PDB file of N, CA and C in Angstrom:
ATOM      1  N   MET A   1       0.837  -1.178   0.000  1.00  0.00           N
ATOM      2  CA  MET A   1       0.000   0.000   0.000  1.00  0.00           C
ATOM      3  C   MET A   1       0.885   1.246   0.000  1.00  0.00           C
ATOM      4  N   ARG A   2       0.583   2.177  -0.891  1.00  0.00           N
ATOM      5  CA  ARG A   2       1.343   3.420  -0.987  1.00  0.00           C
ATOM      6  C   ARG A   2       0.932   4.407   0.095  1.00  0.00           C
ATOM      7  N   LEU A   3       1.894   5.266   0.457  1.00  0.00           N
ATOM      8  CA  LEU A   3       1.586   6.355   1.386  1.00  0.00           C
ATOM      9  C   LEU A   3       0.565   7.288   0.756  1.00  0.00           C
ATOM     10  N   LYS A   4      -0.286   7.852   1.599  1.00  0.00           N
ATOM     11  CA  LYS A   4      -1.217   8.857   1.110  1.00  0.00           C
ATOM     12  C   LYS A   4      -0.414  10.055   0.615  1.00  0.00           C
ATOM     13  N   ALA A   5      -0.977  10.776  -0.340  1.00  0.00           N
ATOM     14  CA  ALA A   5      -0.273  11.902  -0.955  1.00  0.00           C
ATOM     15  C   ALA A   5       0.161  12.939   0.077  1.00  0.00           C
ATOM     16  N   GLY A   6      -0.708  13.271   1.015  1.00  0.00           N
ATOM     17  CA  GLY A   6      -0.374  14.271   2.025  1.00  0.00           C
ATOM     18  C   GLY A   6       0.808  13.866   2.883  1.00  0.00           C
ATOM     19  N   ILE A   7       0.897  12.595   3.216  1.00  0.00           N
ATOM     20  CA  ILE A   7       2.015  12.101   4.020  1.00  0.00           C
ATOM     21  C   ILE A   7       3.306  12.117   3.203  1.00  0.00           C
ATOM     22  N   PHE A   8       3.229  11.709   1.926  1.00  0.00           N
ATOM     23  CA  PHE A   8       4.406  11.727   1.063  1.00  0.00           C
ATOM     24  C   PHE A   8       4.949  13.153   0.917  1.00  0.00           C
ATOM     25  N   VAL A   9       4.064  14.115   0.699  1.00  0.00           N
ATOM     26  CA  VAL A   9       4.482  15.501   0.526  1.00  0.00           C
ATOM     27  C   VAL A   9       5.125  16.026   1.814  1.00  0.00           C
ATOM     28  N   ALA A  10       4.526  15.727   2.955  1.00  0.00           N
ATOM     29  CA  ALA A  10       5.092  16.172   4.231  1.00  0.00           C
ATOM     30  C   ALA A  10       6.486  15.584   4.443  1.00  0.00           C
ATOM     31  N   ALA A  11       6.651  14.304   4.113  1.00  0.00           N
ATOM     32  CA  ALA A  11       7.960  13.660   4.268  1.00  0.00           C
ATOM     33  C   ALA A  11       8.987  14.251   3.304  1.00  0.00           C
ATOM     34  N   LEU A  12       8.575  14.512   2.072  1.00  0.00           N
ATOM     35  CA  LEU A  12       9.481  15.100   1.081  1.00  0.00           C
ATOM     36  C   LEU A  12       9.962  16.468   1.538  1.00  0.00           C
ATOM     37  N   THR A  13       9.045  17.328   1.937  1.00  0.00           N
ATOM     38  CA  THR A  13       9.446  18.669   2.353  1.00  0.00           C
ATOM     39  C   THR A  13      10.324  18.613   3.603  1.00  0.00           C
ATOM     40  N   ARG A  14      10.020  17.722   4.512  1.00  0.00           N
ATOM     41  CA  ARG A  14      10.834  17.601   5.731  1.00  0.00           C
ATOM     42  C   ARG A  14      12.253  17.134   5.401  1.00  0.00           C
ATOM     43  N   ARG A  15      12.381  16.185   4.468  1.00  0.00           N
ATOM     44  CA  ARG A  15      13.716  15.701   4.071  1.00  0.00           C
ATOM     45  C   ARG A  15      14.543  16.814   3.439  1.00  0.00           C
ATOM     46  N   VAL A  16      13.913  17.588   2.560  1.00  0.00           N
ATOM     47  CA  VAL A  16      14.635  18.680   1.911  1.00  0.00           C
ATOM     48  C   VAL A  16      15.077  19.705   2.959  1.00  0.00           C
ATOM     49  N   PHE A  17      14.170  20.074   3.872  1.00  0.00           N
ATOM     50  CA  PHE A  17      14.513  21.032   4.936  1.00  0.00           C
ATOM     51  C   PHE A  17      15.631  20.498   5.819  1.00  0.00           C
ATOM     52  N   SER A  18      15.587  19.218   6.140  1.00  0.00           N
ATOM     53  CA  SER A  18      16.609  18.658   7.037  1.00  0.00           C
ATOM     54  C   SER A  18      17.989  18.669   6.391  1.00  0.00           C
ATOM     55  N   ASP A  19      18.040  18.687   5.048  1.00  0.00           N
ATOM     56  CA  ASP A  19      19.315  18.780   4.339  1.00  0.00           C
ATOM     57  C   ASP A  19      19.722  20.231   4.090  1.00  0.00           C
ATOM     58  N   GLY A  20      18.969  21.175   4.654  1.00  0.00           N
ATOM     59  CA  GLY A  20      19.299  22.589   4.504  1.00  0.00           C
ATOM     60  C   GLY A  20      18.760  23.217   3.245  1.00  0.00           C
ATOM     61  N   GLY A  21      17.875  22.525   2.549  1.00  0.00           N
ATOM     62  CA  GLY A  21      17.305  23.042   1.308  1.00  0.00           C
ATOM     63  C   GLY A  21      15.991  23.752   1.524  1.00  0.00           C
ATOM     64  N   MET A  22      15.368  24.135   0.428  1.00  0.00           N
ATOM     65  CA  MET A  22      14.096  24.820   0.458  1.00  0.00           C
ATOM     66  C   MET A  22      13.046  23.950  -0.222  1.00  0.00           C
ATOM     67  N   ALA A  23      11.884  23.875   0.407  1.00  0.00           N
ATOM     68  CA  ALA A  23      10.752  23.160  -0.169  1.00  0.00           C
ATOM     69  C   ALA A  23       9.480  23.882   0.233  1.00  0.00           C
ATOM     70  N   ALA A  24       8.502  23.872  -0.657  1.00  0.00           N
ATOM     71  CA  ALA A  24       7.233  24.533  -0.356  1.00  0.00           C
ATOM     72  C   ALA A  24       6.109  23.826  -1.107  1.00  0.00           C
ATOM     73  N   VAL A  25       4.956  23.799  -0.502  1.00  0.00           N
ATOM     74  CA  VAL A  25       3.768  23.282  -1.174  1.00  0.00           C
ATOM     75  C   VAL A  25       3.145  24.458  -1.910  1.00  0.00           C
ATOM     76  N   GLU A  26       3.177  24.382  -3.225  1.00  0.00           N
ATOM     77  CA  GLU A  26       2.658  25.454  -4.074  1.00  0.00           C
ATOM     78  C   GLU A  26       1.168  25.268  -4.336  1.00  0.00           C
ATOM     79  N   ARG A  27       0.742  24.008  -4.378  1.00  0.00           N
ATOM     80  CA  ARG A  27      -0.662  23.691  -4.630  1.00  0.00           C
ATOM     81  C   ARG A  27      -1.016  22.459  -3.813  1.00  0.00           C
ATOM     82  N   HIS A  28      -2.071  22.550  -3.047  1.00  0.00           N
ATOM     83  CA  HIS A  28      -2.496  21.457  -2.172  1.00  0.00           C
ATOM     84  C   HIS A  28      -3.566  20.636  -2.881  1.00  0.00           C
ATOM     85  N   GLY A  29      -3.275  19.379  -3.112  1.00  0.00           N
ATOM     86  CA  GLY A  29      -4.223  18.489  -3.764  1.00  0.00           C
ATOM     87  C   GLY A  29      -4.942  17.611  -2.762  1.00  0.00           C
ATOM     88  N   SER A  30      -5.489  16.531  -3.242  1.00  0.00           N
ATOM     89  CA  SER A  30      -6.192  15.584  -2.383  1.00  0.00           C
ATOM     90  C   SER A  30      -5.217  14.922  -1.425  1.00  0.00           C
ATOM     91  N   ASP A  31      -5.532  14.937  -0.132  1.00  0.00           N
ATOM     92  CA  ASP A  31      -4.673  14.302   0.868  1.00  0.00           C
ATOM     93  C   ASP A  31      -4.587  12.792   0.672  1.00  0.00           C
ATOM     94  N   GLU A  32      -5.635  12.221   0.144  1.00  0.00           N
ATOM     95  CA  GLU A  32      -5.685  10.767   0.010  1.00  0.00           C
ATOM     96  C   GLU A  32      -4.892  10.261  -1.196  1.00  0.00           C
ATOM     97  N   ALA A  33      -5.195  10.788  -2.366  1.00  0.00           N
ATOM     98  CA  ALA A  33      -4.617  10.186  -3.569  1.00  0.00           C
ATOM     99  C   ALA A  33      -4.349  11.179  -4.689  1.00  0.00           C
ATOM    100  N   GLY A  34      -4.117  12.440  -4.372  1.00  0.00           N
ATOM    101  CA  GLY A  34      -3.841  13.418  -5.415  1.00  0.00           C
ATOM    102  C   GLY A  34      -2.519  13.146  -6.109  1.00  0.00           C
ATOM    103  N   ALA A  35      -2.465  13.411  -7.395  1.00  0.00           N
ATOM    104  CA  ALA A  35      -1.207  13.277  -8.138  1.00  0.00           C
ATOM    105  C   ALA A  35      -0.238  14.331  -7.625  1.00  0.00           C
ATOM    106  N   ILE A  36       1.047  13.983  -7.592  1.00  0.00           N
ATOM    107  CA  ILE A  36       2.067  14.893  -7.066  1.00  0.00           C
ATOM    108  C   ILE A  36       3.035  15.278  -8.186  1.00  0.00           C
ATOM    109  N   PHE A  37       3.131  16.583  -8.432  1.00  0.00           N
ATOM    110  CA  PHE A  37       4.103  17.132  -9.367  1.00  0.00           C
ATOM    111  C   PHE A  37       5.151  17.869  -8.544  1.00  0.00           C
ATOM    112  N   VAL A  38       6.411  17.728  -8.924  1.00  0.00           N
ATOM    113  CA  VAL A  38       7.484  18.384  -8.176  1.00  0.00           C
ATOM    114  C   VAL A  38       8.202  19.338  -9.113  1.00  0.00           C
ATOM    115  N   ARG A  39       8.142  20.601  -8.763  1.00  0.00           N
ATOM    116  CA  ARG A  39       8.842  21.655  -9.500  1.00  0.00           C
ATOM    117  C   ARG A  39      10.231  21.749  -8.890  1.00  0.00           C
ATOM    118  N   ILE A  40      11.238  21.524  -9.716  1.00  0.00           N
ATOM    119  CA  ILE A  40      12.625  21.511  -9.238  1.00  0.00           C
ATOM    120  C   ILE A  40      13.309  22.773  -9.760  1.00  0.00           C
ATOM    121  N   ARG A  41      13.686  23.637  -8.845  1.00  0.00           N
ATOM    122  CA  ARG A  41      14.387  24.869  -9.222  1.00  0.00           C
ATOM    123  C   ARG A  41      15.892  24.623  -9.114  1.00  0.00           C
ATOM    124  N   HIS A  42      16.598  24.996 -10.173  1.00  0.00           N
ATOM    125  CA  HIS A  42      18.047  24.820 -10.221  1.00  0.00           C
ATOM    126  C   HIS A  42      18.741  26.158  -9.968  1.00  0.00           C
ATOM    127  N   ARG A  43      20.001  26.090  -9.582  1.00  0.00           N
ATOM    128  CA  ARG A  43      20.764  27.303  -9.251  1.00  0.00           C
ATOM    129  C   ARG A  43      20.973  28.220 -10.447  1.00  0.00           C
ATOM    130  N   ASP A  44      20.903  27.672 -11.660  1.00  0.00           N
ATOM    131  CA  ASP A  44      21.123  28.498 -12.849  1.00  0.00           C
ATOM    132  C   ASP A  44      19.855  29.225 -13.315  1.00  0.00           C
ATOM    133  N   GLY A  45      18.780  29.128 -12.538  1.00  0.00           N
ATOM    134  CA  GLY A  45      17.541  29.826 -12.863  1.00  0.00           C
ATOM    135  C   GLY A  45      16.557  29.019 -13.689  1.00  0.00           C
ATOM    136  N   THR A  46      16.942  27.832 -14.109  1.00  0.00           N
ATOM    137  CA  THR A  46      16.026  26.984 -14.866  1.00  0.00           C
ATOM    138  C   THR A  46      15.230  26.101 -13.916  1.00  0.00           C
ATOM    139  N   GLU A  47      14.240  25.414 -14.467  1.00  0.00           N
ATOM    140  CA  GLU A  47      13.408  24.508 -13.690  1.00  0.00           C
ATOM    141  C   GLU A  47      13.241  23.191 -14.426  1.00  0.00           C
ATOM    142  N   SER A  48      12.982  22.159 -13.657  1.00  0.00           N
ATOM    143  CA  SER A  48      12.582  20.864 -14.194  1.00  0.00           C
ATOM    144  C   SER A  48      11.253  20.514 -13.549  1.00  0.00           C
ATOM    145  N   LEU A  49      10.493  19.654 -14.195  1.00  0.00           N
ATOM    146  CA  LEU A  49       9.210  19.234 -13.634  1.00  0.00           C
ATOM    147  C   LEU A  49       9.155  17.718 -13.594  1.00  0.00           C
ATOM    148  N   ALA A  50       9.006  17.189 -12.389  1.00  0.00           N
ATOM    149  CA  ALA A  50       8.829  15.751 -12.191  1.00  0.00           C
ATOM    150  C   ALA A  50       7.339  15.488 -12.031  1.00  0.00           C
ATOM    151  N   ALA A  51       6.843  14.533 -12.784  1.00  0.00           N
ATOM    152  CA  ALA A  51       5.423  14.180 -12.767  1.00  0.00           C
ATOM    153  C   ALA A  51       5.288  12.710 -12.413  1.00  0.00           C
ATOM    154  N   PRO A  52       4.094  12.300 -11.976  1.00  0.00           N
ATOM    155  CA  PRO A  52       3.901  10.879 -11.693  1.00  0.00           C
ATOM    156  C   PRO A  52       4.203  10.037 -12.931  1.00  0.00           C
ATOM    157  N   ALA A  53       4.913   8.953 -12.722  1.00  0.00           N
ATOM    158  CA  ALA A  53       5.237   8.050 -13.828  1.00  0.00           C
ATOM    159  C   ALA A  53       3.970   7.319 -14.277  1.00  0.00           C
ATOM    160  N   PRO A  54       3.923   6.896 -15.530  1.00  0.00           N
ATOM    161  CA  PRO A  54       2.775   6.115 -16.004  1.00  0.00           C
ATOM    162  C   PRO A  54       2.642   4.810 -15.210  1.00  0.00           C
ATOM    163  N   GLN A  55       1.433   4.334 -15.091  1.00  0.00           N
ATOM    164  CA  GLN A  55       1.171   3.105 -14.335  1.00  0.00           C
ATOM    165  C   GLN A  55       1.982   1.916 -14.850  1.00  0.00           C
ATOM    166  N   THR A  56       2.290   1.905 -16.128  1.00  0.00           N
ATOM    167  CA  THR A  56       3.045   0.792 -16.697  1.00  0.00           C
ATOM    168  C   THR A  56       4.482   0.739 -16.191  1.00  0.00           C
ATOM    169  N   ALA A  57       4.956   1.817 -15.579  1.00  0.00           N
ATOM    170  CA  ALA A  57       6.343   1.870 -15.097  1.00  0.00           C
ATOM    171  C   ALA A  57       6.504   1.309 -13.692  1.00  0.00           C
ATOM    172  N   PHE A  58       5.400   1.007 -13.019  1.00  0.00           N
ATOM    173  CA  PHE A  58       5.493   0.580 -11.628  1.00  0.00           C
ATOM    174  C   PHE A  58       5.943  -0.863 -11.500  1.00  0.00           C
ATOM    175  N   ASP A  59       6.704  -1.098 -10.463  1.00  0.00           N
ATOM    176  CA  ASP A  59       7.227  -2.420 -10.154  1.00  0.00           C
ATOM    177  C   ASP A  59       6.145  -3.196  -9.403  1.00  0.00           C
ATOM    178  N   GLU A  60       5.718  -4.308  -9.946  1.00  0.00           N
ATOM    179  CA  GLU A  60       4.668  -5.103  -9.306  1.00  0.00           C
ATOM    180  C   GLU A  60       5.081  -5.630  -7.948  1.00  0.00           C
ATOM    181  N   ASP A  61       6.382  -5.808  -7.725  1.00  0.00           N
ATOM    182  CA  ASP A  61       6.870  -6.288  -6.435  1.00  0.00           C
ATOM    183  C   ASP A  61       6.908  -5.187  -5.379  1.00  0.00           C
ATOM    184  N   HIS A  62       6.921  -3.915  -5.817  1.00  0.00           N
ATOM    185  CA  HIS A  62       6.993  -2.781  -4.893  1.00  0.00           C
ATOM    186  C   HIS A  62       5.991  -1.702  -5.301  1.00  0.00           C
ATOM    187  N   PRO A  63       4.697  -1.998  -5.229  1.00  0.00           N
ATOM    188  CA  PRO A  63       3.696  -1.026  -5.675  1.00  0.00           C
ATOM    189  C   PRO A  63       3.605   0.199  -4.766  1.00  0.00           C
ATOM    190  N   GLU A  64       4.229   0.137  -3.591  1.00  0.00           N
ATOM    191  CA  GLU A  64       4.162   1.262  -2.656  1.00  0.00           C
ATOM    192  C   GLU A  64       5.082   2.417  -3.043  1.00  0.00           C
ATOM    193  N   THR A  65       6.028   2.167  -3.920  1.00  0.00           N
ATOM    194  CA  THR A  65       6.998   3.180  -4.304  1.00  0.00           C
ATOM    195  C   THR A  65       6.373   4.177  -5.271  1.00  0.00           C
ATOM    196  N   ARG A  66       6.514   5.458  -4.972  1.00  0.00           N
ATOM    197  CA  ARG A  66       6.056   6.502  -5.903  1.00  0.00           C
ATOM    198  C   ARG A  66       7.173   6.755  -6.898  1.00  0.00           C
ATOM    199  N   LEU A  67       6.867   6.598  -8.159  1.00  0.00           N
ATOM    200  CA  LEU A  67       7.850   6.821  -9.216  1.00  0.00           C
ATOM    201  C   LEU A  67       7.496   8.095  -9.977  1.00  0.00           C
ATOM    202  N   PHE A  68       8.526   8.783 -10.416  1.00  0.00           N
ATOM    203  CA  PHE A  68       8.357  10.027 -11.157  1.00  0.00           C
ATOM    204  C   PHE A  68       9.092   9.929 -12.483  1.00  0.00           C
ATOM    205  N   GLU A  69       8.667  10.770 -13.412  1.00  0.00           N
ATOM    206  CA  GLU A  69       9.379  10.940 -14.675  1.00  0.00           C
ATOM    207  C   GLU A  69       9.584  12.435 -14.882  1.00  0.00           C
ATOM    208  N   LEU A  70      10.682  12.787 -15.518  1.00  0.00           N
ATOM    209  CA  LEU A  70      10.935  14.192 -15.822  1.00  0.00           C
ATOM    210  C   LEU A  70      10.183  14.564 -17.093  1.00  0.00           C
ATOM    211  N   ARG A  71       9.227  15.461 -16.967  1.00  0.00           N
ATOM    212  CA  ARG A  71       8.464  15.917 -18.129  1.00  0.00           C
ATOM    213  C   ARG A  71       9.131  17.122 -18.781  1.00  0.00           C
ATOM    214  N   LYS A  72       9.774  17.934 -17.974  1.00  0.00           N
ATOM    215  CA  LYS A  72      10.527  19.095 -18.469  1.00  0.00           C
ATOM    216  C   LYS A  72      11.871  19.080 -17.756  1.00  0.00           C
ATOM    217  N   THR A  73      12.933  19.396 -18.482  1.00  0.00           N
ATOM    218  CA  THR A  73      14.272  19.398 -17.894  1.00  0.00           C
ATOM    219  C   THR A  73      14.980  20.697 -18.217  1.00  0.00           C
ATOM    220  N   ARG A  74      15.314  21.425 -17.177  1.00  0.00           N
ATOM    221  CA  ARG A  74      16.075  22.680 -17.267  1.00  0.00           C
ATOM    222  C   ARG A  74      15.511  23.622 -18.327  1.00  0.00           C
ATOM    223  N   VAL A  75      14.259  24.005 -18.112  1.00  0.00           N
ATOM    224  CA  VAL A  75      13.574  24.938 -19.001  1.00  0.00           C
ATOM    225  C   VAL A  75      13.252  26.211 -18.218  1.00  0.00           C
ATOM    226  N   GLN A  76      12.720  27.195 -18.908  1.00  0.00           N
ATOM    227  CA  GLN A  76      12.316  28.433 -18.246  1.00  0.00           C
ATOM    228  C   GLN A  76      11.021  28.205 -17.459  1.00  0.00           C
ATOM    229  N   GLU A  77      10.816  29.016 -16.441  1.00  0.00           N
ATOM    230  CA  GLU A  77       9.664  28.890 -15.547  1.00  0.00           C
ATOM    231  C   GLU A  77       8.338  28.883 -16.303  1.00  0.00           C
ATOM    232  N   ALA A  78       8.234  29.680 -17.355  1.00  0.00           N
ATOM    233  CA  ALA A  78       6.986  29.781 -18.120  1.00  0.00           C
ATOM    234  C   ALA A  78       6.561  28.431 -18.699  1.00  0.00           C
ATOM    235  N   GLU A  79       7.509  27.623 -19.144  1.00  0.00           N
ATOM    236  CA  GLU A  79       7.172  26.299 -19.701  1.00  0.00           C
ATOM    237  C   GLU A  79       6.572  25.387 -18.641  1.00  0.00           C
ATOM    238  N   VAL A  80       7.128  25.436 -17.441  1.00  0.00           N
ATOM    239  CA  VAL A  80       6.586  24.631 -16.345  1.00  0.00           C
ATOM    240  C   VAL A  80       5.192  25.137 -15.971  1.00  0.00           C
ATOM    241  N   ASN A  81       5.032  26.457 -15.920  1.00  0.00           N
ATOM    242  CA  ASN A  81       3.718  27.035 -15.603  1.00  0.00           C
ATOM    243  C   ASN A  81       2.662  26.614 -16.610  1.00  0.00           C
ATOM    244  N   GLU A  82       3.015  26.610 -17.899  1.00  0.00           N
ATOM    245  CA  GLU A  82       2.074  26.194 -18.946  1.00  0.00           C
ATOM    246  C   GLU A  82       1.651  24.743 -18.765  1.00  0.00           C
ATOM    247  N   MET A  83       2.615  23.880 -18.478  1.00  0.00           N
ATOM    248  CA  MET A  83       2.295  22.467 -18.305  1.00  0.00           C
ATOM    249  C   MET A  83       1.376  22.253 -17.091  1.00  0.00           C
ATOM    250  N   LEU A  84       1.649  22.958 -16.006  1.00  0.00           N
ATOM    251  CA  LEU A  84       0.816  22.822 -14.813  1.00  0.00           C
ATOM    252  C   LEU A  84      -0.581  23.397 -15.050  1.00  0.00           C
ATOM    253  N   ALA A  85      -0.698  24.444 -15.836  1.00  0.00           N
ATOM    254  CA  ALA A  85      -2.012  25.007 -16.173  1.00  0.00           C
ATOM    255  C   ALA A  85      -2.829  24.012 -16.983  1.00  0.00           C
ATOM    256  N   ARG A  86      -2.183  23.320 -17.921  1.00  0.00           N
ATOM    257  CA  ARG A  86      -2.885  22.289 -18.701  1.00  0.00           C
ATOM    258  C   ARG A  86      -3.343  21.156 -17.783  1.00  0.00           C
ATOM    259  N   GLU A  87      -2.499  20.775 -16.850  1.00  0.00           N
ATOM    260  CA  GLU A  87      -2.858  19.711 -15.916  1.00  0.00           C
ATOM    261  C   GLU A  87      -4.051  20.125 -15.063  1.00  0.00           C
ATOM    262  N   ALA A  88      -4.110  21.386 -14.650  1.00  0.00           N
ATOM    263  CA  ALA A  88      -5.212  21.879 -13.817  1.00  0.00           C
ATOM    264  C   ALA A  88      -6.545  21.809 -14.557  1.00  0.00           C
ATOM    265  N   ARG A  89      -6.521  22.006 -15.867  1.00  0.00           N
ATOM    266  CA  ARG A  89      -7.755  21.887 -16.653  1.00  0.00           C
ATOM    267  C   ARG A  89      -8.207  20.434 -16.733  1.00  0.00           C
ATOM    268  N   PHE A  90      -7.253  19.516 -16.725  1.00  0.00           N
ATOM    269  CA  PHE A  90      -7.552  18.089 -16.829  1.00  0.00           C
ATOM    270  C   PHE A  90      -7.939  17.491 -15.477  1.00  0.00           C
ATOM    271  N   ASP A  91      -7.181  17.820 -14.429  1.00  0.00           N
ATOM    272  CA  ASP A  91      -7.381  17.252 -13.093  1.00  0.00           C
ATOM    273  C   ASP A  91      -7.053  18.319 -12.053  1.00  0.00           C
ATOM    274  N   PRO A  92      -8.049  19.004 -11.527  1.00  0.00           N
ATOM    275  CA  PRO A  92      -7.771  20.103 -10.600  1.00  0.00           C
ATOM    276  C   PRO A  92      -7.325  19.673  -9.200  1.00  0.00           C
ATOM    277  N   ASP A  93      -7.271  18.395  -8.946  1.00  0.00           N
ATOM    278  CA  ASP A  93      -6.999  17.892  -7.591  1.00  0.00           C
ATOM    279  C   ASP A  93      -5.580  17.344  -7.445  1.00  0.00           C
ATOM    280  N   PHE A  94      -4.576  18.090  -7.917  1.00  0.00           N
ATOM    281  CA  PHE A  94      -3.203  17.600  -7.846  1.00  0.00           C
ATOM    282  C   PHE A  94      -2.350  18.513  -6.975  1.00  0.00           C
ATOM    283  N   TRP A  95      -1.230  17.984  -6.547  1.00  0.00           N
ATOM    284  CA  TRP A  95      -0.270  18.706  -5.721  1.00  0.00           C
ATOM    285  C   TRP A  95       0.844  19.284  -6.589  1.00  0.00           C
ATOM    286  N   VAL A  96       1.404  20.410  -6.158  1.00  0.00           N
ATOM    287  CA  VAL A  96       2.648  20.914  -6.729  1.00  0.00           C
ATOM    288  C   VAL A  96       3.556  21.237  -5.544  1.00  0.00           C
ATOM    289  N   VAL A  97       4.691  20.565  -5.510  1.00  0.00           N
ATOM    290  CA  VAL A  97       5.689  20.804  -4.480  1.00  0.00           C
ATOM    291  C   VAL A  97       6.906  21.386  -5.165  1.00  0.00           C
ATOM    292  N   GLU A  98       7.413  22.459  -4.617  1.00  0.00           N
ATOM    293  CA  GLU A  98       8.587  23.109  -5.184  1.00  0.00           C
ATOM    294  C   GLU A  98       9.787  22.805  -4.295  1.00  0.00           C
ATOM    295  N   ILE A  99      10.876  22.371  -4.924  1.00  0.00           N
ATOM    296  CA  ILE A  99      12.115  22.147  -4.178  1.00  0.00           C
ATOM    297  C   ILE A  99      13.261  22.820  -4.935  1.00  0.00           C
ATOM    298  N   GLU A 100      14.267  23.216  -4.189  1.00  0.00           N
ATOM    299  CA  GLU A 100      15.478  23.772  -4.811  1.00  0.00           C
ATOM    300  C   GLU A 100      16.595  22.774  -4.584  1.00  0.00           C
ATOM    301  N   THR A 101      17.046  22.164  -5.679  1.00  0.00           N
ATOM    302  CA  THR A 101      18.133  21.188  -5.587  1.00  0.00           C
ATOM    303  C   THR A 101      18.692  20.931  -6.970  1.00  0.00           C
ATOM    304  N   ASP A 102      19.955  20.580  -7.017  1.00  0.00           N
ATOM    305  CA  ASP A 102      20.551  20.152  -8.277  1.00  0.00           C
ATOM    306  C   ASP A 102      20.622  18.636  -8.353  1.00  0.00           C
ATOM    307  N   SER A 103      20.135  17.965  -7.314  1.00  0.00           N
ATOM    308  CA  SER A 103      20.140  16.495  -7.314  1.00  0.00           C
ATOM    309  C   SER A 103      18.784  15.967  -6.815  1.00  0.00           C
ATOM    310  N   PRO A 104      17.743  16.108  -7.644  1.00  0.00           N
ATOM    311  CA  PRO A 104      16.409  15.660  -7.228  1.00  0.00           C
ATOM    312  C   PRO A 104      16.325  14.153  -6.969  1.00  0.00           C
ATOM    313  N   GLU A 105      17.249  13.391  -7.576  1.00  0.00           N
ATOM    314  CA  GLU A 105      17.242  11.939  -7.357  1.00  0.00           C
ATOM    315  C   GLU A 105      17.538  11.580  -5.902  1.00  0.00           C
ATOM    316  N   THR A 106      18.021  12.517  -5.133  1.00  0.00           N
ATOM    317  CA  THR A 106      18.220  12.307  -3.693  1.00  0.00           C
ATOM    318  C   THR A 106      16.882  12.137  -2.990  1.00  0.00           C
ATOM    319  N   TYR A 107      15.858  12.784  -3.505  1.00  0.00           N
ATOM    320  CA  TYR A 107      14.560  12.820  -2.839  1.00  0.00           C
ATOM    321  C   TYR A 107      13.445  12.086  -3.572  1.00  0.00           C
ATOM    322  N   LEU A 108      13.627  11.839  -4.857  1.00  0.00           N
ATOM    323  CA  LEU A 108      12.568  11.226  -5.675  1.00  0.00           C
ATOM    324  C   LEU A 108      13.115   9.995  -6.391  1.00  0.00           C
ATOM    325  N   SER A 109      12.247   9.017  -6.612  1.00  0.00           N
ATOM    326  CA  SER A 109      12.604   7.828  -7.400  1.00  0.00           C
ATOM    327  C   SER A 109      12.119   8.043  -8.823  1.00  0.00           C
ATOM    328  N   PHE A 110      13.048   7.994  -9.765  1.00  0.00           N
ATOM    329  CA  PHE A 110      12.702   8.219 -11.170  1.00  0.00           C
ATOM    330  C   PHE A 110      12.686   6.885 -11.927  1.00  0.00           C
ATOM    331  N   ILE A 111      11.841   6.827 -12.954  1.00  0.00           N
ATOM    332  CA  ILE A 111      11.802   5.635 -13.798  1.00  0.00           C
ATOM    333  C   ILE A 111      13.071   5.572 -14.617  1.00  0.00           C
ATOM    334  N   GLU A 112      13.453   4.360 -14.964  1.00  0.00           N
ATOM    335  CA  GLU A 112      14.618   4.150 -15.828  1.00  0.00           C
ATOM    336  C   GLU A 112      14.239   4.559 -17.230  1.00  0.00           C
ATOM    337  N   GLU A 113      15.117   5.281 -17.898  1.00  0.00           N
ATOM    338  CA  GLU A 113      14.803   5.722 -19.264  1.00  0.00           C
ATOM    339  C   GLU A 113      15.331   4.747 -20.266  1.00  0.00           C
TER     340      GLU A 113
END
């Protein structure tokens, strides 16, 4: 069984803070099962966007693991904003968590490309 979205977000932000980083909840989704998008701000002023991985990417032996895929990599803020606006029209009940890090793999599990 996977952690509820609200618990996952709280743990993510706490981990980033404990490492001396910055994290913030930009959009609060469903506490139970809202999709989680992570806006990753880089030191060079660009952003990346991690989105929930497709269901086909999940490991049947470890269904509790939340997997992410990078939908945008080191782009301008406007591109990330556009993608999140499109998502809001499709599913208004999602989370957006913002973190500042150059190594998001420290905090998120990404699918193998």
